[in-house]
PDB file of N, CA and C in Angstrom:
ATOM      1  N   MET A   1      16.831 -19.861 -16.553  1.00  0.00           N
ATOM      2  CA  MET A   1      16.166 -18.598 -16.367  1.00  0.00           C
ATOM      3  C   MET A   1      16.928 -17.779 -15.320  1.00  0.00           C
ATOM      4  N   ALA A   2      17.109 -16.491 -15.591  1.00  0.00           N
ATOM      5  CA  ALA A   2      17.807 -15.607 -14.667  1.00  0.00           C
ATOM      6  C   ALA A   2      17.016 -15.447 -13.378  1.00  0.00           C
ATOM      7  N   ARG A   3      17.724 -15.344 -12.274  1.00  0.00           N
ATOM      8  CA  ARG A   3      17.079 -15.139 -10.988  1.00  0.00           C
ATOM      9  C   ARG A   3      17.039 -13.666 -10.612  1.00  0.00           C
ATOM     10  N   TRP A   4      17.610 -12.831 -11.434  1.00  0.00           N
ATOM     11  CA  TRP A   4      17.584 -11.398 -11.161  1.00  0.00           C
ATOM     12  C   TRP A   4      17.393 -10.645 -12.474  1.00  0.00           C
ATOM     13  N   LEU A   5      16.926  -9.429 -12.347  1.00  0.00           N
ATOM     14  CA  LEU A   5      16.668  -8.595 -13.514  1.00  0.00           C
ATOM     15  C   LEU A   5      17.299  -7.229 -13.296  1.00  0.00           C
ATOM     16  N   ARG A   6      17.577  -6.570 -14.385  1.00  0.00           N
ATOM     17  CA  ARG A   6      18.100  -5.207 -14.317  1.00  0.00           C
ATOM     18  C   ARG A   6      17.356  -4.366 -15.337  1.00  0.00           C
ATOM     19  N   GLY A   7      17.125  -3.127 -15.026  1.00  0.00           N
ATOM     20  CA  GLY A   7      16.439  -2.245 -15.954  1.00  0.00           C
ATOM     21  C   GLY A   7      16.816  -0.801 -15.703  1.00  0.00           C
ATOM     22  N   ARG A   8      16.184   0.078 -16.423  1.00  0.00           N
ATOM     23  CA  ARG A   8      16.422   1.514 -16.268  1.00  0.00           C
ATOM     24  C   ARG A   8      15.093   2.232 -16.430  1.00  0.00           C
ATOM     25  N   LEU A   9      14.840   3.180 -15.553  1.00  0.00           N
ATOM     26  CA  LEU A   9      13.643   4.000 -15.672  1.00  0.00           C
ATOM     27  C   LEU A   9      13.788   4.923 -16.872  1.00  0.00           C
ATOM     28  N   LEU A  10      12.662   5.269 -17.471  1.00  0.00           N
ATOM     29  CA  LEU A  10      12.682   6.210 -18.577  1.00  0.00           C
ATOM     30  C   LEU A  10      12.978   7.613 -18.060  1.00  0.00           C
ATOM     31  N   ASP A  11      13.637   8.400 -18.881  1.00  0.00           N
ATOM     32  CA  ASP A  11      13.927   9.785 -18.541  1.00  0.00           C
ATOM     33  C   ASP A  11      12.615  10.569 -18.548  1.00  0.00           C
ATOM     34  N   PRO A  12      12.417  11.494 -17.617  1.00  0.00           N
ATOM     35  CA  PRO A  12      11.185  12.286 -17.598  1.00  0.00           C
ATOM     36  C   PRO A  12      10.908  13.017 -18.912  1.00  0.00           C
ATOM     37  N   SER A  13      11.920  13.265 -19.711  1.00  0.00           N
ATOM     38  CA  SER A  13      11.705  13.935 -21.003  1.00  0.00           C
ATOM     39  C   SER A  13      10.875  13.072 -21.957  1.00  0.00           C
ATOM     40  N   ALA A  14      10.707  11.792 -21.632  1.00  0.00           N
ATOM     41  CA  ALA A  14       9.894  10.890 -22.454  1.00  0.00           C
ATOM     42  C   ALA A  14       8.396  11.018 -22.141  1.00  0.00           C
ATOM     43  N   ALA A  15       8.030  11.875 -21.181  1.00  0.00           N
ATOM     44  CA  ALA A  15       6.625  12.043 -20.814  1.00  0.00           C
ATOM     45  C   ALA A  15       5.842  12.652 -21.970  1.00  0.00           C
ATOM     46  N   PRO A  16       4.591  12.270 -22.106  1.00  0.00           N
ATOM     47  CA  PRO A  16       3.759  12.874 -23.154  1.00  0.00           C
ATOM     48  C   PRO A  16       3.480  14.342 -22.822  1.00  0.00           C
ATOM     49  N   ALA A  17       3.096  15.112 -23.819  1.00  0.00           N
ATOM     50  CA  ALA A  17       2.771  16.525 -23.579  1.00  0.00           C
ATOM     51  C   ALA A  17       1.541  16.646 -22.680  1.00  0.00           C
ATOM     52  N   GLU A  18       0.611  15.690 -22.818  1.00  0.00           N
ATOM     53  CA  GLU A  18      -0.616  15.715 -22.032  1.00  0.00           C
ATOM     54  C   GLU A  18      -0.976  14.283 -21.668  1.00  0.00           C
ATOM     55  N   GLY A  19      -1.523  14.098 -20.482  1.00  0.00           N
ATOM     56  CA  GLY A  19      -1.918  12.758 -20.062  1.00  0.00           C
ATOM     57  C   GLY A  19      -0.773  11.992 -19.434  1.00  0.00           C
ATOM     58  N   GLU A  20      -0.875  10.660 -19.454  1.00  0.00           N
ATOM     59  CA  GLU A  20       0.117   9.809 -18.806  1.00  0.00           C
ATOM     60  C   GLU A  20       0.521   8.637 -19.682  1.00  0.00           C
ATOM     61  N   THR A  21       1.741   8.194 -19.470  1.00  0.00           N
ATOM     62  CA  THR A  21       2.224   6.938 -20.016  1.00  0.00           C
ATOM     63  C   THR A  21       2.603   6.065 -18.829  1.00  0.00           C
ATOM     64  N   VAL A  22       2.062   4.836 -18.777  1.00  0.00           N
ATOM     65  CA  VAL A  22       2.341   3.916 -17.680  1.00  0.00           C
ATOM     66  C   VAL A  22       3.221   2.795 -18.212  1.00  0.00           C
ATOM     67  N   VAL A  23       4.353   2.584 -17.531  1.00  0.00           N
ATOM     68  CA  VAL A  23       5.312   1.567 -17.941  1.00  0.00           C
ATOM     69  C   VAL A  23       5.389   0.508 -16.838  1.00  0.00           C
ATOM     70  N   PRO A  24       4.814  -0.697 -17.061  1.00  0.00           N
ATOM     71  CA  PRO A  24       4.906  -1.758 -16.047  1.00  0.00           C
ATOM     72  C   PRO A  24       6.360  -2.207 -15.884  1.00  0.00           C
ATOM     73  N   LEU A  25       6.793  -2.324 -14.639  1.00  0.00           N
ATOM     74  CA  LEU A  25       8.154  -2.770 -14.349  1.00  0.00           C
ATOM     75  C   LEU A  25       8.172  -4.127 -13.664  1.00  0.00           C
ATOM     76  N   LEU A  26       7.132  -4.417 -12.873  1.00  0.00           N
ATOM     77  CA  LEU A  26       7.052  -5.677 -12.138  1.00  0.00           C
ATOM     78  C   LEU A  26       5.581  -5.996 -11.941  1.00  0.00           C
ATOM     79  N   ASP A  27       5.203  -7.251 -12.200  1.00  0.00           N
ATOM     80  CA  ASP A  27       3.822  -7.654 -12.024  1.00  0.00           C
ATOM     81  C   ASP A  27       3.788  -8.923 -11.196  1.00  0.00           C
ATOM     82  N   GLY A  28       3.014  -8.909 -10.151  1.00  0.00           N
ATOM     83  CA  GLY A  28       2.906 -10.060  -9.262  1.00  0.00           C
ATOM     84  C   GLY A  28       2.114  -9.631  -8.046  1.00  0.00           C
ATOM     85  N   PRO A  29       2.359 -10.257  -6.888  1.00  0.00           N
ATOM     86  CA  PRO A  29       1.661  -9.840  -5.671  1.00  0.00           C
ATOM     87  C   PRO A  29       1.937  -8.365  -5.350  1.00  0.00           C
ATOM     88  N   VAL A  30       3.093  -7.906  -5.798  1.00  0.00           N
ATOM     89  CA  VAL A  30       3.454  -6.490  -5.727  1.00  0.00           C
ATOM     90  C   VAL A  30       3.700  -6.052  -7.153  1.00  0.00           C
ATOM     91  N   SER A  31       3.054  -4.957  -7.566  1.00  0.00           N
ATOM     92  CA  SER A  31       3.315  -4.449  -8.909  1.00  0.00           C
ATOM     93  C   SER A  31       3.984  -3.092  -8.796  1.00  0.00           C
ATOM     94  N   VAL A  32       4.869  -2.831  -9.742  1.00  0.00           N
ATOM     95  CA  VAL A  32       5.617  -1.574  -9.775  1.00  0.00           C
ATOM     96  C   VAL A  32       5.494  -1.001 -11.174  1.00  0.00           C
ATOM     97  N   GLU A  33       5.193   0.300 -11.250  1.00  0.00           N
ATOM     98  CA  GLU A  33       5.065   0.981 -12.529  1.00  0.00           C
ATOM     99  C   GLU A  33       5.800   2.309 -12.468  1.00  0.00           C
ATOM    100  N   GLN A  34       6.316   2.724 -13.612  1.00  0.00           N
ATOM    101  CA  GLN A  34       6.769   4.096 -13.756  1.00  0.00           C
ATOM    102  C   GLN A  34       5.662   4.820 -14.508  1.00  0.00           C
ATOM    103  N   ILE A  35       5.281   5.972 -14.015  1.00  0.00           N
ATOM    104  CA  ILE A  35       4.255   6.781 -14.656  1.00  0.00           C
ATOM    105  C   ILE A  35       4.900   8.084 -15.092  1.00  0.00           C
ATOM    106  N   LEU A  36       4.801   8.384 -16.374  1.00  0.00           N
ATOM    107  CA  LEU A  36       5.312   9.638 -16.911  1.00  0.00           C
ATOM    108  C   LEU A  36       4.113  10.526 -17.208  1.00  0.00           C
ATOM    109  N   SER A  37       4.094  11.712 -16.632  1.00  0.00           N
ATOM    110  CA  SER A  37       2.947  12.604 -16.758  1.00  0.00           C
ATOM    111  C   SER A  37       3.281  13.855 -17.543  1.00  0.00           C
ATOM    112  N   GLY A  38       2.344  14.212 -18.404  1.00  0.00           N
ATOM    113  CA  GLY A  38       2.384  15.504 -19.060  1.00  0.00           C
ATOM    114  C   GLY A  38       1.420  16.432 -18.339  1.00  0.00           C
ATOM    115  N   ARG A  39       1.009  17.476 -18.990  1.00  0.00           N
ATOM    116  CA  ARG A  39       0.042  18.404 -18.419  1.00  0.00           C
ATOM    117  C   ARG A  39      -1.277  17.671 -18.202  1.00  0.00           C
ATOM    118  N   THR A  40      -1.934  17.963 -17.086  1.00  0.00           N
ATOM    119  CA  THR A  40      -3.233  17.372 -16.783  1.00  0.00           C
ATOM    120  C   THR A  40      -4.315  18.233 -17.435  1.00  0.00           C
ATOM    121  N   ALA A  41      -4.994  17.688 -18.444  1.00  0.00           N
ATOM    122  CA  ALA A  41      -6.019  18.444 -19.167  1.00  0.00           C
ATOM    123  C   ALA A  41      -7.273  18.634 -18.311  1.00  0.00           C
ATOM    124  N   ALA A  42      -7.611  17.627 -17.519  1.00  0.00           N
ATOM    125  CA  ALA A  42      -8.784  17.671 -16.642  1.00  0.00           C
ATOM    126  C   ALA A  42      -8.502  16.757 -15.456  1.00  0.00           C
ATOM    127  N   PRO A  43      -9.101  17.033 -14.317  1.00  0.00           N
ATOM    128  CA  PRO A  43      -8.895  16.164 -13.154  1.00  0.00           C
ATOM    129  C   PRO A  43      -9.248  14.707 -13.473  1.00  0.00           C
ATOM    130  N   VAL A  44      -8.480  13.787 -12.885  1.00  0.00           N
ATOM    131  CA  VAL A  44      -8.678  12.359 -13.107  1.00  0.00           C
ATOM    132  C   VAL A  44      -8.908  11.691 -11.750  1.00  0.00           C
ATOM    133  N   ASP A  45     -10.032  10.971 -11.642  1.00  0.00           N
ATOM    134  CA  ASP A  45     -10.378  10.291 -10.395  1.00  0.00           C
ATOM    135  C   ASP A  45      -9.839   8.864 -10.393  1.00  0.00           C
ATOM    136  N   TYR A  46      -9.348   8.432  -9.217  1.00  0.00           N
ATOM    137  CA  TYR A  46      -8.830   7.077  -9.047  1.00  0.00           C
ATOM    138  C   TYR A  46      -9.376   6.487  -7.752  1.00  0.00           C
ATOM    139  N   ARG A  47      -9.505   5.167  -7.747  1.00  0.00           N
ATOM    140  CA  ARG A  47      -9.818   4.400  -6.542  1.00  0.00           C
ATOM    141  C   ARG A  47      -9.353   2.976  -6.830  1.00  0.00           C
ATOM    142  N   GLN A  48      -8.206   2.595  -6.276  1.00  0.00           N
ATOM    143  CA  GLN A  48      -7.645   1.269  -6.529  1.00  0.00           C
ATOM    144  C   GLN A  48      -8.119   0.253  -5.499  1.00  0.00           C
ATOM    145  N   ASP A  49      -8.137  -1.011  -5.914  1.00  0.00           N
ATOM    146  CA  ASP A  49      -8.481  -2.105  -5.009  1.00  0.00           C
ATOM    147  C   ASP A  49      -7.301  -2.506  -4.134  1.00  0.00           C
ATOM    148  N   GLU A  50      -6.098  -2.069  -4.499  1.00  0.00           N
ATOM    149  CA  GLU A  50      -4.887  -2.386  -3.734  1.00  0.00           C
ATOM    150  C   GLU A  50      -4.395  -1.121  -3.037  1.00  0.00           C
ATOM    151  N   HIS A  51      -3.517  -1.315  -2.057  1.00  0.00           N
ATOM    152  CA  HIS A  51      -2.813  -0.185  -1.472  1.00  0.00           C
ATOM    153  C   HIS A  51      -1.866   0.344  -2.545  1.00  0.00           C
ATOM    154  N   GLU A  52      -1.624   1.649  -2.528  1.00  0.00           N
ATOM    155  CA  GLU A  52      -0.725   2.234  -3.521  1.00  0.00           C
ATOM    156  C   GLU A  52       0.225   3.198  -2.830  1.00  0.00           C
ATOM    157  N   TRP A  53       1.511   2.975  -3.040  1.00  0.00           N
ATOM    158  CA  TRP A  53       2.558   3.878  -2.564  1.00  0.00           C
ATOM    159  C   TRP A  53       3.161   4.512  -3.802  1.00  0.00           C
ATOM    160  N   VAL A  54       3.166   5.833  -3.847  1.00  0.00           N
ATOM    161  CA  VAL A  54       3.750   6.533  -4.988  1.00  0.00           C
ATOM    162  C   VAL A  54       4.816   7.495  -4.494  1.00  0.00           C
ATOM    163  N   VAL A  55       5.866   7.628  -5.285  1.00  0.00           N
ATOM    164  CA  VAL A  55       6.889   8.631  -5.017  1.00  0.00           C
ATOM    165  C   VAL A  55       7.061   9.437  -6.302  1.00  0.00           C
ATOM    166  N   LEU A  56       7.113  10.743  -6.171  1.00  0.00           N
ATOM    167  CA  LEU A  56       7.327  11.611  -7.317  1.00  0.00           C
ATOM    168  C   LEU A  56       8.831  11.768  -7.495  1.00  0.00           C
ATOM    169  N   LEU A  57       9.336  11.269  -8.619  1.00  0.00           N
ATOM    170  CA  LEU A  57      10.775  11.301  -8.884  1.00  0.00           C
ATOM    171  C   LEU A  57      11.217  12.616  -9.504  1.00  0.00           C
ATOM    172  N   ALA A  58      10.347  13.224 -10.299  1.00  0.00           N
ATOM    173  CA  ALA A  58      10.660  14.491 -10.976  1.00  0.00           C
ATOM    174  C   ALA A  58       9.358  15.239 -11.205  1.00  0.00           C
ATOM    175  N   GLY A  59       9.414  16.558 -11.178  1.00  0.00           N
ATOM    176  CA  GLY A  59       8.250  17.376 -11.468  1.00  0.00           C
ATOM    177  C   GLY A  59       7.475  17.765 -10.225  1.00  0.00           C
ATOM    178  N   THR A  60       6.226  18.164 -10.444  1.00  0.00           N
ATOM    179  CA  THR A  60       5.324  18.538  -9.360  1.00  0.00           C
ATOM    180  C   THR A  60       3.946  17.979  -9.663  1.00  0.00           C
ATOM    181  N   ALA A  61       3.148  17.803  -8.614  1.00  0.00           N
ATOM    182  CA  ALA A  61       1.790  17.288  -8.788  1.00  0.00           C
ATOM    183  C   ALA A  61       0.900  17.819  -7.677  1.00  0.00           C
ATOM    184  N   ARG A  62      -0.385  17.853  -7.978  1.00  0.00           N
ATOM    185  CA  ARG A  62      -1.387  18.268  -6.997  1.00  0.00           C
ATOM    186  C   ARG A  62      -2.517  17.252  -7.050  1.00  0.00           C
ATOM    187  N   LEU A  63      -2.938  16.785  -5.872  1.00  0.00           N
ATOM    188  CA  LEU A  63      -4.018  15.816  -5.756  1.00  0.00           C
ATOM    189  C   LEU A  63      -5.006  16.272  -4.696  1.00  0.00           C
ATOM    190  N   LEU A  64      -6.213  15.745  -4.783  1.00  0.00           N
ATOM    191  CA  LEU A  64      -7.184  15.849  -3.705  1.00  0.00           C
ATOM    192  C   LEU A  64      -7.319  14.463  -3.098  1.00  0.00           C
ATOM    193  N   VAL A  65      -7.069  14.353  -1.804  1.00  0.00           N
ATOM    194  CA  VAL A  65      -7.169  13.080  -1.095  1.00  0.00           C
ATOM    195  C   VAL A  65      -8.021  13.312   0.148  1.00  0.00           C
ATOM    196  N   ASP A  66      -9.139  12.616   0.250  1.00  0.00           N
ATOM    197  CA  ASP A  66     -10.059  12.790   1.389  1.00  0.00           C
ATOM    198  C   ASP A  66     -10.400  14.260   1.603  1.00  0.00           C
ATOM    199  N   GLY A  67     -10.596  14.998   0.526  1.00  0.00           N
ATOM    200  CA  GLY A  67     -10.986  16.400   0.616  1.00  0.00           C
ATOM    201  C   GLY A  67      -9.852  17.369   0.895  1.00  0.00           C
ATOM    202  N   ALA A  68      -8.643  16.854   1.087  1.00  0.00           N
ATOM    203  CA  ALA A  68      -7.489  17.720   1.350  1.00  0.00           C
ATOM    204  C   ALA A  68      -6.635  17.847   0.097  1.00  0.00           C
ATOM    205  N   GLU A  69      -6.157  19.059  -0.155  1.00  0.00           N
ATOM    206  CA  GLU A  69      -5.255  19.257  -1.287  1.00  0.00           C
ATOM    207  C   GLU A  69      -3.848  18.857  -0.868  1.00  0.00           C
ATOM    208  N   VAL A  70      -3.221  18.022  -1.667  1.00  0.00           N
ATOM    209  CA  VAL A  70      -1.873  17.539  -1.388  1.00  0.00           C
ATOM    210  C   VAL A  70      -0.980  17.958  -2.551  1.00  0.00           C
ATOM    211  N   GLU A  71       0.063  18.721  -2.257  1.00  0.00           N
ATOM    212  CA  GLU A  71       1.027  19.128  -3.279  1.00  0.00           C
ATOM    213  C   GLU A  71       2.289  18.309  -3.098  1.00  0.00           C
ATOM    214  N   LEU A  72       2.790  17.761  -4.194  1.00  0.00           N
ATOM    215  CA  LEU A  72       3.998  16.943  -4.166  1.00  0.00           C
ATOM    216  C   LEU A  72       5.075  17.572  -5.038  1.00  0.00           C
ATOM    217  N   VAL A  73       6.314  17.478  -4.569  1.00  0.00           N
ATOM    218  CA  VAL A  73       7.489  17.850  -5.368  1.00  0.00           C
ATOM    219  C   VAL A  73       8.397  16.624  -5.394  1.00  0.00           C
ATOM    220  N   ALA A  74       9.380  16.652  -6.265  1.00  0.00           N
ATOM    221  CA  ALA A  74      10.288  15.510  -6.402  1.00  0.00           C
ATOM    222  C   ALA A  74      10.817  15.070  -5.035  1.00  0.00           C
ATOM    223  N   GLY A  75      10.705  13.776  -4.775  1.00  0.00           N
ATOM    224  CA  GLY A  75      11.159  13.201  -3.515  1.00  0.00           C
ATOM    225  C   GLY A  75      10.023  12.949  -2.534  1.00  0.00           C
ATOM    226  N   ASP A  76       8.868  13.580  -2.734  1.00  0.00           N
ATOM    227  CA  ASP A  76       7.722  13.350  -1.853  1.00  0.00           C
ATOM    228  C   ASP A  76       7.040  12.031  -2.209  1.00  0.00           C
ATOM    229  N   TRP A  77       6.528  11.336  -1.200  1.00  0.00           N
ATOM    230  CA  TRP A  77       5.787  10.109  -1.440  1.00  0.00           C
ATOM    231  C   TRP A  77       4.457  10.166  -0.703  1.00  0.00           C
ATOM    232  N   LEU A  78       3.572   9.280  -1.109  1.00  0.00           N
ATOM    233  CA  LEU A  78       2.217   9.245  -0.582  1.00  0.00           C
ATOM    234  C   LEU A  78       1.768   7.788  -0.524  1.00  0.00           C
ATOM    235  N   LEU A  79       1.146   7.397   0.583  1.00  0.00           N
ATOM    236  CA  LEU A  79       0.575   6.060   0.724  1.00  0.00           C
ATOM    237  C   LEU A  79      -0.936   6.190   0.718  1.00  0.00           C
ATOM    238  N   LEU A  80      -1.563   5.543  -0.243  1.00  0.00           N
ATOM    239  CA  LEU A  80      -3.017   5.587  -0.397  1.00  0.00           C
ATOM    240  C   LEU A  80      -3.572   4.188  -0.103  1.00  0.00           C
ATOM    241  N   PRO A  81      -4.327   4.032   0.990  1.00  0.00           N
ATOM    242  CA  PRO A  81      -4.884   2.715   1.304  1.00  0.00           C
ATOM    243  C   PRO A  81      -5.866   2.264   0.227  1.00  0.00           C
ATOM    244  N   ALA A  82      -6.040   0.970   0.119  1.00  0.00           N
ATOM    245  CA  ALA A  82      -7.006   0.415  -0.832  1.00  0.00           C
ATOM    246  C   ALA A  82      -8.353   1.088  -0.658  1.00  0.00           C
ATOM    247  N   GLY A  83      -8.971   1.463  -1.776  1.00  0.00           N
ATOM    248  CA  GLY A  83     -10.283   2.075  -1.752  1.00  0.00           C
ATOM    249  C   GLY A  83     -10.297   3.568  -1.487  1.00  0.00           C
ATOM    250  N   CYS A  84      -9.150   4.160  -1.252  1.00  0.00           N
ATOM    251  CA  CYS A  84      -9.069   5.595  -0.977  1.00  0.00           C
ATOM    252  C   CYS A  84      -9.269   6.382  -2.275  1.00  0.00           C
ATOM    253  N   ALA A  85     -10.372   7.114  -2.343  1.00  0.00           N
ATOM    254  CA  ALA A  85     -10.633   7.927  -3.529  1.00  0.00           C
ATOM    255  C   ALA A  85      -9.665   9.103  -3.552  1.00  0.00           C
ATOM    256  N   HIS A  86      -9.068   9.343  -4.715  1.00  0.00           N
ATOM    257  CA  HIS A  86      -8.172  10.485  -4.869  1.00  0.00           C
ATOM    258  C   HIS A  86      -8.278  11.002  -6.298  1.00  0.00           C
ATOM    259  N   THR A  87      -8.024  12.282  -6.456  1.00  0.00           N
ATOM    260  CA  THR A  87      -8.140  12.933  -7.748  1.00  0.00           C
ATOM    261  C   THR A  87      -6.837  13.631  -8.075  1.00  0.00           C
ATOM    262  N   LEU A  88      -6.291  13.304  -9.226  1.00  0.00           N
ATOM    263  CA  LEU A  88      -5.097  13.994  -9.724  1.00  0.00           C
ATOM    264  C   LEU A  88      -5.590  15.254 -10.423  1.00  0.00           C
ATOM    265  N   THR A  89      -5.262  16.417  -9.874  1.00  0.00           N
ATOM    266  CA  THR A  89      -5.784  17.668 -10.424  1.00  0.00           C
ATOM    267  C   THR A  89      -4.778  18.411 -11.288  1.00  0.00           C
ATOM    268  N   GLU A  90      -3.477  18.200 -11.034  1.00  0.00           N
ATOM    269  CA  GLU A  90      -2.483  18.930 -11.822  1.00  0.00           C
ATOM    270  C   GLU A  90      -1.137  18.218 -11.770  1.00  0.00           C
ATOM    271  N   THR A  91      -0.469  18.144 -12.914  1.00  0.00           N
ATOM    272  CA  THR A  91       0.907  17.665 -12.968  1.00  0.00           C
ATOM    273  C   THR A  91       1.699  18.591 -13.876  1.00  0.00           C
ATOM    274  N   ALA A  92       2.956  18.757 -13.555  1.00  0.00           N
ATOM    275  CA  ALA A  92       3.842  19.525 -14.419  1.00  0.00           C
ATOM    276  C   ALA A  92       4.293  18.620 -15.555  1.00  0.00           C
ATOM    277  N   PRO A  93       4.396  19.153 -16.767  1.00  0.00           N
ATOM    278  CA  PRO A  93       4.929  18.338 -17.867  1.00  0.00           C
ATOM    279  C   PRO A  93       6.307  17.779 -17.490  1.00  0.00           C
ATOM    280  N   GLY A  94       6.518  16.517 -17.824  1.00  0.00           N
ATOM    281  CA  GLY A  94       7.795  15.873 -17.508  1.00  0.00           C
ATOM    282  C   GLY A  94       7.864  15.312 -16.103  1.00  0.00           C
ATOM    283  N   SER A  95       6.709  15.147 -15.456  1.00  0.00           N
ATOM    284  CA  SER A  95       6.710  14.532 -14.119  1.00  0.00           C
ATOM    285  C   SER A  95       6.887  13.022 -14.255  1.00  0.00           C
ATOM    286  N   SER A  96       7.613  12.443 -13.310  1.00  0.00           N
ATOM    287  CA  SER A  96       7.871  11.002 -13.312  1.00  0.00           C
ATOM    288  C   SER A  96       7.575  10.458 -11.922  1.00  0.00           C
ATOM    289  N   TRP A  97       6.809   9.373 -11.876  1.00  0.00           N
ATOM    290  CA  TRP A  97       6.391   8.732 -10.639  1.00  0.00           C
ATOM    291  C   TRP A  97       6.855   7.279 -10.624  1.00  0.00           C
ATOM    292  N   LEU A  98       6.997   6.738  -9.445  1.00  0.00           N
ATOM    293  CA  LEU A  98       7.127   5.306  -9.254  1.00  0.00           C
ATOM    294  C   LEU A  98       5.935   4.901  -8.400  1.00  0.00           C
ATOM    295  N   ALA A  99       5.125   3.967  -8.888  1.00  0.00           N
ATOM    296  CA  ALA A  99       3.936   3.506  -8.164  1.00  0.00           C
ATOM    297  C   ALA A  99       4.113   2.039  -7.791  1.00  0.00           C
ATOM    298  N   VAL A 100       3.881   1.738  -6.521  1.00  0.00           N
ATOM    299  CA  VAL A 100       3.970   0.367  -6.017  1.00  0.00           C
ATOM    300  C   VAL A 100       2.591   0.015  -5.470  1.00  0.00           C
ATOM    301  N   ARG A 101       1.992  -1.035  -6.026  1.00  0.00           N
ATOM    302  CA  ARG A 101       0.674  -1.498  -5.559  1.00  0.00           C
ATOM    303  C   ARG A 101       0.838  -2.876  -4.941  1.00  0.00           C
ATOM    304  N   PHE A 102       0.140  -3.081  -3.839  1.00  0.00           N
ATOM    305  CA  PHE A 102       0.264  -4.359  -3.135  1.00  0.00           C
ATOM    306  C   PHE A 102      -1.041  -4.709  -2.475  1.00  0.00           C
ATOM    307  N   GLY A 103      -1.182  -5.974  -2.068  1.00  0.00           N
ATOM    308  CA  GLY A 103      -2.412  -6.544  -1.525  1.00  0.00           C
ATOM    309  C   GLY A 103      -3.145  -5.646  -0.550  1.00  0.00           C
ATOM    310  N   ALA A 104      -4.368  -5.988  -0.288  1.00  0.00           N
ATOM    311  CA  ALA A 104      -5.204  -5.114   0.503  1.00  0.00           C
ATOM    312  C   ALA A 104      -5.605  -5.676   1.864  1.00  0.00           C
ATOM    313  N   PRO A 105      -4.653  -6.274   2.628  1.00  0.00           N
ATOM    314  CA  PRO A 105      -5.021  -6.605   4.006  1.00  0.00           C
ATOM    315  C   PRO A 105      -5.123  -5.291   4.788  1.00  0.00           C
ATOM    316  N   PRO A 106      -5.697  -5.298   5.987  1.00  0.00           N
ATOM    317  CA  PRO A 106      -5.789  -4.059   6.749  1.00  0.00           C
ATOM    318  C   PRO A 106      -4.416  -3.395   6.854  1.00  0.00           C
ATOM    319  N   LEU A 107      -4.391  -2.091   6.596  1.00  0.00           N
ATOM    320  CA  LEU A 107      -3.117  -1.357   6.612  1.00  0.00           C
ATOM    321  C   LEU A 107      -3.200  -0.178   7.550  1.00  0.00           C
ATOM    322  N   LEU A 108      -4.193   0.653   7.338  1.00  0.00           N
ATOM    323  CA  LEU A 108      -4.353   1.858   8.162  1.00  0.00           C
ATOM    324  C   LEU A 108      -5.744   1.856   8.768  1.00  0.00           C
ATOM    325  N   ALA A 109      -5.823   2.175  10.005  1.00  0.00           N
ATOM    326  CA  ALA A 109      -7.142   2.208  10.672  1.00  0.00           C
ATOM    327  C   ALA A 109      -7.774   3.568  10.516  1.00  0.00           C
TER     328      ALA A 109
END
């Protein structure tokens, strides 16, 4: 069995016209996904049991986090502690994210 893996992220042009496509890249104590976003038809609420670090690789996005509007452009990242309610309110078609989820020991006070 190989001790290392190699892969390639999907091009943002593979994003759906509307909604999201989630591509699992690594599953274990730390999980990694590529998320390809199309236009957001309606706000989507999230609350994960794990901490989540996301970086926007391409496109733009708007979220509500703890009542604050957060706008992201390519290269921006966000750390959401476990249990942090957040709402994805808008994404540009062809947006691409990398999401890393990991265990939920105390992280932020």
